[in-house]
Each structure stands twice: as structure tokens, then as C-alpha cells.
Protein backbone atom coordinates (compact mmCIF):
# COMPACT_ATOMS: atom_id res chain seq x y z
CA MET A 1 13.96 -0.38 16.30
CA ARG A 2 14.76 -0.96 12.63
CA ARG A 3 14.80 1.77 10.08
CA GLN A 4 14.93 2.09 6.33
CA GLN A 5 16.38 5.53 5.67
CA MET A 6 16.47 7.24 2.30
CA SER A 7 16.37 10.90 1.43
CA LEU A 8 13.33 12.29 -0.37
CA ALA A 9 15.50 13.01 -3.43
CA THR A 10 16.77 9.42 -3.50
CA ILE A 11 13.24 8.10 -3.15
CA ALA A 12 12.02 10.29 -6.01
CA VAL A 13 14.73 8.87 -8.27
CA LEU A 14 13.92 5.35 -7.10
CA ALA A 15 10.21 5.81 -7.74
CA GLY A 16 10.93 7.08 -11.23
CA SER A 17 13.18 4.15 -12.07
CA LEU A 18 10.66 1.61 -10.82
CA PHE A 19 8.24 2.69 -13.53
CA GLN A 20 10.58 1.21 -16.12
CA LEU A 21 9.86 -2.51 -16.25
CA GLY A 22 13.48 -3.30 -17.07
CA ALA A 23 14.86 -1.24 -14.17
CA TYR A 24 12.57 -2.73 -11.62
CA ALA A 25 15.30 -3.74 -9.22
CA GLU A 26 18.81 -5.04 -8.99
CA GLU A 27 18.30 -8.77 -8.86
CA SER A 28 19.68 -12.09 -9.97
CA SER A 29 19.07 -12.80 -13.64
CA LYS A 30 17.43 -16.14 -12.84
CA PRO A 31 14.45 -16.54 -10.55
CA ALA A 32 15.01 -18.75 -7.53
CA GLY A 33 12.47 -21.48 -6.99
CA SER A 34 10.10 -20.32 -9.72
CA THR A 35 7.06 -22.45 -10.37
CA LEU A 36 4.75 -22.79 -13.35
CA LYS A 37 1.54 -24.67 -13.78
CA LYS A 38 -0.33 -24.60 -17.08
CA GLN A 39 -3.83 -25.63 -18.12
CA GLY A 40 -3.84 -29.28 -19.13
CA ALA A 41 -0.57 -30.12 -17.36
CA ALA A 42 -0.37 -33.15 -15.12
CA LYS A 43 -1.93 -32.42 -11.75
CA THR A 44 0.35 -32.15 -8.75
CA SER A 45 -0.28 -31.49 -5.09
CA ALA A 46 1.43 -28.12 -5.26
CA HIS A 47 -0.07 -24.92 -6.66
CA PRO A 48 2.16 -22.08 -7.91
CA LEU A 49 0.63 -19.79 -5.27
CA ASP A 50 1.21 -22.11 -2.32
CA ARG A 51 4.57 -20.57 -1.39
CA VAL A 52 3.23 -17.03 -1.85
CA ILE A 53 0.34 -17.78 0.49
CA GLU A 54 2.72 -19.36 3.00
CA ILE A 55 4.98 -16.29 2.95
CA ALA A 56 2.02 -13.92 3.29
CA THR A 57 0.47 -15.94 6.10
CA LYS A 58 3.71 -15.93 8.08
CA GLY A 59 4.16 -12.22 7.36
CA LEU A 60 0.67 -11.43 8.64
CA GLN A 61 1.23 -13.51 11.76
CA ARG A 62 4.58 -11.84 12.45
CA THR A 63 3.10 -8.38 11.90
CA ASP A 64 0.27 -9.11 14.33
CA GLU A 65 2.66 -10.48 16.95
CA GLU A 66 5.64 -8.12 16.65
CA VAL A 67 4.66 -4.87 14.90
CA LYS A 68 2.29 -2.75 16.95
CA GLU A 69 2.96 0.47 15.01
CA TYR A 70 5.27 2.12 12.50
CA SER A 71 6.05 5.28 10.62
CA CYS A 72 7.03 5.51 6.97
CA LEU A 73 7.08 7.61 3.85
CA LEU A 74 4.45 6.22 1.49
CA ILE A 75 4.63 6.89 -2.24
CA LYS A 76 1.57 5.82 -4.16
CA ARG A 77 0.08 5.92 -7.63
CA GLU A 78 -3.32 4.58 -8.59
CA ARG A 79 -5.35 4.43 -11.78
CA ILE A 80 -8.63 6.24 -11.13
CA ASP A 81 -11.32 6.22 -13.82
CA GLY A 82 -8.74 5.13 -16.36
CA GLU A 83 -6.20 7.85 -15.51
CA LEU A 84 -2.95 7.19 -13.64
CA THR A 85 -2.47 9.74 -10.87
CA ALA A 86 0.78 11.55 -10.22
CA ARG A 87 2.90 10.06 -7.44
CA GLN A 88 1.70 11.15 -4.02
CA TYR A 89 4.23 11.41 -1.19
CA MET A 90 2.98 11.31 2.38
CA GLN A 91 4.41 10.86 5.83
CA ALA A 92 2.46 8.21 7.69
CA LYS A 93 2.01 7.07 11.26
CA VAL A 94 0.14 3.81 11.70
CA ARG A 95 -0.92 1.94 14.82
CA HIS A 96 -2.44 -1.53 14.47
CA ARG A 97 -5.54 -2.55 16.37
CA HIS A 98 -4.90 -4.76 19.38
CA PHE A 99 -7.30 -6.99 21.30
CA ALA A 100 -6.99 -8.28 24.86
CA ASP A 101 -9.42 -10.78 26.36
CA GLY A 102 -11.60 -10.37 23.29
CA LYS A 103 -11.86 -6.59 23.71
CA LEU A 104 -10.46 -3.88 21.47
CA VAL A 105 -7.90 -2.06 23.62
CA THR A 106 -5.94 -0.27 20.88
CA PRO A 107 -7.93 0.98 17.88
CA MET A 108 -6.45 1.13 14.40
CA SER A 109 -5.06 4.65 14.01
CA VAL A 110 -3.63 6.46 10.99
CA TYR A 111 -2.17 9.94 10.57
CA LEU A 112 -1.07 11.15 7.12
CA LYS A 113 0.60 14.36 5.99
CA PHE A 114 0.97 14.90 2.25
CA LEU A 115 4.22 16.35 0.94
CA LYS A 116 3.79 16.19 -2.83
CA PRO A 117 2.36 17.06 -5.37
CA SER A 118 1.79 20.75 -4.76
CA GLU A 119 -2.00 20.53 -5.07
CA LEU A 120 -2.04 18.14 -2.09
CA ALA A 121 0.89 19.45 -0.06
CA GLY A 122 -0.13 20.16 3.52
CA ARG A 123 -3.14 17.86 3.46
CA GLU A 124 -3.53 16.02 6.77
CA VAL A 125 -5.72 13.04 7.47
CA LEU A 126 -6.47 11.48 10.84
CA TYR A 127 -8.44 8.31 11.43
CA VAL A 128 -8.90 6.59 14.79
CA GLU A 129 -11.17 3.57 14.78
CA GLY A 130 -14.29 4.23 16.82
CA GLU A 131 -13.83 7.99 17.10
CA ARG A 132 -15.99 10.63 15.36
CA ASP A 133 -18.67 8.03 14.62
CA GLY A 134 -16.20 6.23 12.37
CA ASN A 135 -15.44 9.32 10.30
CA VAL A 136 -12.04 10.53 9.13
CA LEU A 137 -10.79 14.03 9.94
CA ALA A 138 -9.26 15.71 6.89
CA ARG A 139 -7.48 19.01 6.40
CA ARG A 140 -7.73 19.22 2.66
CA GLY A 141 -4.39 20.92 1.86
CA GLY A 142 -3.22 22.39 -1.44
CA PRO A 143 -3.37 26.09 -2.39
CA ARG A 144 -7.18 26.35 -2.51
CA LEU A 145 -8.33 24.14 0.34
CA ALA A 146 -5.47 24.58 2.78
CA ASN A 147 -7.57 25.72 5.72
CA ILE A 148 -10.68 23.59 5.31
CA THR A 149 -11.02 20.76 7.84
CA VAL A 150 -13.92 18.35 7.53
CA GLU A 151 -15.19 15.07 8.93
CA LEU A 152 -15.83 12.56 6.17
CA ASN A 153 -17.26 9.09 5.80
CA PRO A 154 -14.06 7.13 4.99
CA LYS A 155 -15.87 5.27 2.20
CA GLY A 156 -17.92 8.24 1.00
CA HIS A 157 -17.58 10.35 -2.15
CA TRP A 158 -15.19 13.01 -0.83
CA ALA A 159 -12.89 10.69 1.09
CA MET A 160 -12.62 8.27 -1.85
CA GLN A 161 -11.82 10.93 -4.45
CA GLY A 162 -8.49 9.95 -6.00
CA ASN A 163 -8.26 6.73 -3.94
CA LEU A 164 -8.77 3.06 -4.75
CA HIS A 165 -8.86 2.04 -1.09
CA PRO A 166 -10.33 3.75 2.00
CA ILE A 167 -8.09 4.79 4.88
CA THR A 168 -9.63 1.96 6.91
CA GLU A 169 -7.55 -0.37 4.67
CA PHE A 170 -4.34 1.66 4.93
CA GLY A 171 -0.92 0.18 5.63
CA PHE A 172 1.16 -2.88 4.91
CA ARG A 173 -0.78 -5.11 7.30
CA ASN A 174 -3.92 -4.53 5.29
CA LEU A 175 -1.89 -4.93 2.09
CA ILE A 176 -0.77 -8.40 3.24
CA PHE A 177 -4.37 -9.26 4.16
CA ARG A 178 -5.68 -8.17 0.74
CA LEU A 179 -2.92 -10.16 -0.98
CA LEU A 180 -3.86 -13.27 0.97
CA GLU A 181 -7.50 -12.89 -0.01
CA LYS A 182 -6.54 -12.32 -3.64
CA MET A 183 -4.15 -15.29 -3.83
CA ARG A 184 -6.51 -17.67 -2.05
CA GLY A 185 -9.21 -16.65 -4.50
CA ASP A 186 -6.87 -17.52 -7.37
CA LEU A 187 -6.18 -21.08 -6.21
CA ALA A 188 -8.85 -22.37 -8.59
CA SER A 189 -6.83 -21.11 -11.55
CA THR A 190 -3.95 -23.04 -13.09
CA ASP A 191 -3.03 -20.29 -15.57
CA ILE A 192 -0.55 -18.72 -13.20
CA ASP A 193 3.21 -18.22 -13.34
CA VAL A 194 5.03 -17.38 -10.10
CA LYS A 195 8.68 -16.37 -9.89
CA PHE A 196 10.83 -15.66 -6.83
CA TYR A 197 13.95 -13.47 -6.94
CA ASP A 198 15.93 -13.92 -3.74
CA ASN A 199 18.62 -11.33 -4.49
CA ALA A 200 16.48 -8.30 -5.28
CA LYS A 201 17.13 -4.79 -3.98
CA LEU A 202 14.85 -1.84 -3.48
CA GLY A 203 17.21 1.10 -3.13
CA ASP A 204 19.87 -0.25 -0.79
CA ARG A 205 17.48 -2.64 0.99
CA GLU A 206 17.85 -6.37 0.39
CA CYS A 207 14.51 -7.87 -0.57
CA GLU A 208 12.79 -10.91 -1.94
CA HIS A 209 10.89 -10.06 -5.11
CA ILE A 210 7.81 -12.12 -5.94
CA GLN A 211 6.14 -11.82 -9.32
CA VAL A 212 2.74 -13.40 -9.98
CA THR A 213 1.50 -13.45 -13.57
CA GLN A 214 -1.97 -14.44 -14.73
CA THR A 215 -1.35 -15.98 -18.16
CA ASN A 216 -4.98 -16.22 -19.33
CA PRO A 217 -6.57 -12.84 -20.12
CA ASN A 218 -10.01 -14.46 -19.89
CA THR A 219 -9.59 -15.10 -16.18
CA THR A 220 -11.82 -13.36 -13.66
CA ALA A 221 -8.72 -12.18 -11.75
CA ASP A 222 -8.50 -8.40 -11.44
CA TYR A 223 -4.81 -8.22 -12.39
CA HIS A 224 -2.39 -9.52 -15.01
CA ILE A 225 0.87 -9.07 -13.07
CA ALA A 226 1.44 -8.47 -9.36
CA ARG A 227 4.86 -7.64 -7.92
CA ILE A 228 5.76 -7.64 -4.25
CA PHE A 229 9.07 -6.77 -2.58
CA ILE A 230 9.56 -8.05 0.98
CA ASP A 231 12.34 -6.48 3.03
CA LYS A 232 14.53 -9.33 4.26
CA GLU A 233 15.51 -7.69 7.54
CA MET A 234 12.16 -6.26 8.55
CA GLN A 235 10.08 -9.03 6.95
CA VAL A 236 7.41 -6.59 5.78
CA PRO A 237 6.32 -5.66 2.24
CA VAL A 238 7.98 -2.43 1.09
CA TYR A 239 6.73 -2.43 -2.49
CA PHE A 240 3.61 -3.60 -4.29
CA ALA A 241 2.38 -2.98 -7.81
CA SER A 242 -0.26 -4.57 -9.99
CA TYR A 243 -0.72 -4.32 -13.74
CA ASP A 244 -3.64 -4.90 -16.08
CA TRP A 245 -3.53 -6.74 -19.40
CA PRO A 246 -2.13 -4.73 -22.33
CA GLU A 247 -4.67 -3.36 -24.77
CA SER A 248 -2.92 -5.14 -27.67
CA ASP A 249 -0.58 -8.10 -28.08
CA GLY A 250 2.97 -7.09 -27.25
CA GLY A 251 1.87 -3.86 -25.54
CA GLU A 252 3.03 -2.67 -22.14
CA PRO A 253 0.87 -3.81 -19.23
CA PRO A 254 -0.76 -0.65 -17.79
CA LEU A 255 0.00 0.04 -14.15
CA LYS A 256 -3.09 -0.19 -11.91
CA GLU A 257 -1.60 0.66 -8.50
CA GLU A 258 1.82 1.09 -6.95
CA TYR A 259 2.91 1.57 -3.33
CA ILE A 260 6.40 2.14 -1.93
CA PHE A 261 6.93 2.05 1.84
CA ALA A 262 10.18 3.91 2.48
CA ASN A 263 11.99 5.04 5.66
CA VAL A 264 10.09 2.42 7.64
CA ASP A 265 10.54 2.70 11.42
CA LEU A 266 9.00 -0.25 13.28
CA ASN A 267 7.58 0.22 16.78
CA PRO A 268 8.68 3.85 17.32
CA ASN A 269 6.72 4.12 20.60
CA PHE A 270 4.01 6.56 19.61
CA VAL A 271 2.11 8.42 22.31
CA ALA A 272 -1.58 9.36 22.38
CA LEU A 273 -0.78 12.81 20.96
CA ASP A 274 0.45 11.24 17.72
CA PHE A 275 -3.17 10.43 16.86
CA ASP A 276 -4.80 13.50 18.40
CA ALA A 277 -6.10 16.37 16.27
CA ASP A 278 -4.92 18.78 19.00
CA ASN A 279 -1.28 17.84 18.43
CA PRO A 280 0.51 21.22 18.13
CA ASP A 281 2.52 19.84 15.19
CA TYR A 282 -0.69 19.31 13.21
CA ALA A 283 -2.72 22.06 11.56
CA PHE A 284 -6.32 20.88 11.75
CA GLU A 285 -8.79 23.79 11.77
CA PRO A 286 -12.33 24.02 13.17
CA ILE A 287 -14.52 21.54 11.35
CA ALA A 288 -16.40 22.79 8.29
CA SER A 289 -19.36 21.06 6.69
CA GLU A 290 -19.07 18.75 3.71
CA GLU A 291 -21.29 21.21 1.84
CA SER A 292 -18.49 23.76 2.05
CA LEU A 293 -16.32 21.48 -0.09
CA ALA A 294 -18.87 21.64 -2.90
CA GLN A 295 -18.27 25.39 -3.08
CA VAL A 296 -14.56 24.98 -3.76
CA LYS A 297 -13.25 22.98 -6.69
CA PRO A 298 -10.08 21.01 -5.71
């Protein structure tokens, strides 16, 4: 069992410092093994993204083989309808799906409890693949919706409010999978700069920092800069952020999304009650209708 322990206060300071581009991490001043390939340059067999894809592929394989579940503190920010949300802090329990003889024997399961900000504090979310007709169980939390529990379509209007991704895509395994899809889709582009920083740190954790930059704003890619931190001991991503192109030359790239996985505990041996709404440590109430949410403004 390997853990990444930081206090909530330390994490809050860390999250604040990460917003400053110059204070992104303690790392070597020179990137290790950086690659660059520009439009019109002589063709080579290697693409700047080849090593990133190799790292992600190995990470996905290792996660599937060795990480059946984990707990963590997730801190996230996302730009929704042009507005960057406040940082959201949530305790998470995640169990990966597992197949045996071609049959699903362990469904993907996620439990979340929101800690901050105050308007979300106390919110609980439970999703178990295949249960409740595929719906997510949500205790809405916050001062006005604290006692309302509903079943929601995980990709529907209410569940997606304030979220870029549905809970069905939650966790660092799905993050690795999305990164692989994104990077493989970018292999046709040569306007890419990739840098590797082998001596990076996130808090007190030793990491490898990978930065991918799209250098042509006319590309169809949905990001300008992507940054990933991979914990060297655990070999899982503990930080990801993507940025859009600045509105003007020389401007700051606007943050699109940011995720910090802190206090990661791999394979903590969850029991069935960890993903059961009847867990006495959870506060789910009798289920209300979605229509009841329309009567209360969040």
C-alpha cells in the first residue's frame, strides 16, 4: 500500500501556487530529452508524441494489471461556459472495472464527498456501473440542497452542471485513456513541442513533468498546452492541466481544466459497503424526483 499524504492546508497552498505558471513545480531548469518537430523540417521516424504515448500506454497497462482501486483527495477546476470554477475539493473512492472470462465481475464504482467550497460541502455522489439503470445517486449538498437525494442520468443536464466530464469518466485511469486518445489523434500534426522534466516535484512527491505544446493556433487540437505530472513511485498521474490559446499575442494561456490527485492510497481493500448508499457513514436521503431540483435554485 503506497500513500501520498498531505494535509488539506498544505494542498490548498499547493493548489494556489500551481496556478502561477512560473511556480508550477520545483524542477530542473533544463528539460530532459525534449523533442521538437516543426512544419517543413526534415522528416524523421520519430514523432514528438511517441514517448508520451509510450509512457501513457505503459501507465494504462500497469493500472489495469496492478491497481484495482484507490482513494484520494481530488482538487479540480474547470472552465464552464467561459467561466473558471472555484477549486472543488472532494474525497474520492474509486474501484476499476474488472473482467474475468469475458464477463464483468467488478463494475466501475465511484463515491465522492465534497469538502469545499461551502456551496458544495456535504454533497455526496455514488455511481456503480450497472446499478440504478445506469444512473448516479446524488445528495446535492450545500446550504440549500443538503437533504435532497436524487437519481440522475450521469450525462444529463443536472449531473453535468458544473462538470466537463461525466462521473463515468472519473479517475486517473480514464484520464490516461483520454490522454492516449488525444495524443494519438495529434500524431498527424508536426506543430508540436514536447518537453520532459525528470526532476519535477509536486509537493514533496518526486514526479516526471511532461509538457505538450501545440505551436500552431490554427490546429484542430482542443488545447494549446497540456501538462502532466506522473508520480515516480506510484507510476500514476497526479496532476493534469490543459490551457487554451491566449486571446492576444503575449497573453497568458487561459486554464481550461486542472486536476490534482492528492493523498493517493492504492489498493486500500475496499469492501462492498464502500459503494453502498446504506453505508452508515454516508448521508443519502430517500430519493426525490428530478422535478424537485427545479424548485430549488443551487
